[in-house]
Amino acid sequence: MALAYEAYLQEILIDEATLQNRIAQLGAQINLDYAGCGNLLLLCVLKGGVMFLSDLSRHINVPHVIDFMAASSYGKGARQSTGSVRIDMDMRLDVKDKHVLVVEDIIDSGYTLAFVLKTLRNREPASLKLCALLNKQSRREVDIDVDYIGFNIENKYVFGYGLDLDERFRNLRFVGVARTDALVDE
């Protein structure tokens, strides 16, 4: 029997209309900032950033290409960063002399993004910026400059719209807060 997300949902933090409106605003700002740029590369950090990247990309009129990277500082089933980051899947395109915009679902401790950004800087892009749907500033352990922020959120365990709850419910059209009493460690 499939698990229903309602059993884990405390509240809807950001509804679909609010998400889509803010993503359109981010796309409009990115269009202004990258106007005339002929070599924009959107780099999605997997898995959580896929939904955000897909919707954001549709609002970006500047010609761009897309690539993916998977990196993590979380162990299987972990809800806290280990602080040790690994790249599980590297991108395929060369970033040298390209304008790279990293698209991320959520910035929490900052370990993963700091590692990804350092790795990318070493590959000599023309520019490197970061766009995050969600920003949990109160959880930050590593200083990260975020160029585009969808929403600043409190320190709550969130899922939906790309963010998983033990690899489930990424497909939800909203961001919800998980009931802490319903979370089960695997």
Foldseek 3Di string as FASTA:
>chain_A
DDDDCVLWFPWFPWFLVLLLVLLLVLQVVVQVVCPPAQFEEEEEADDLQPLSCVSNVVNHPHDYYYWYWYKAQADQLGPDGVLDMDTPGDTDDQQAQGAYEYEYAEQAQCSGVVVVVVVNVVSHHVHYAYAYAEYAPVRHNDDDDHPHYNDYDHPFDKEECRRDQSNPRPPHSTIGGTDPVPRDGD
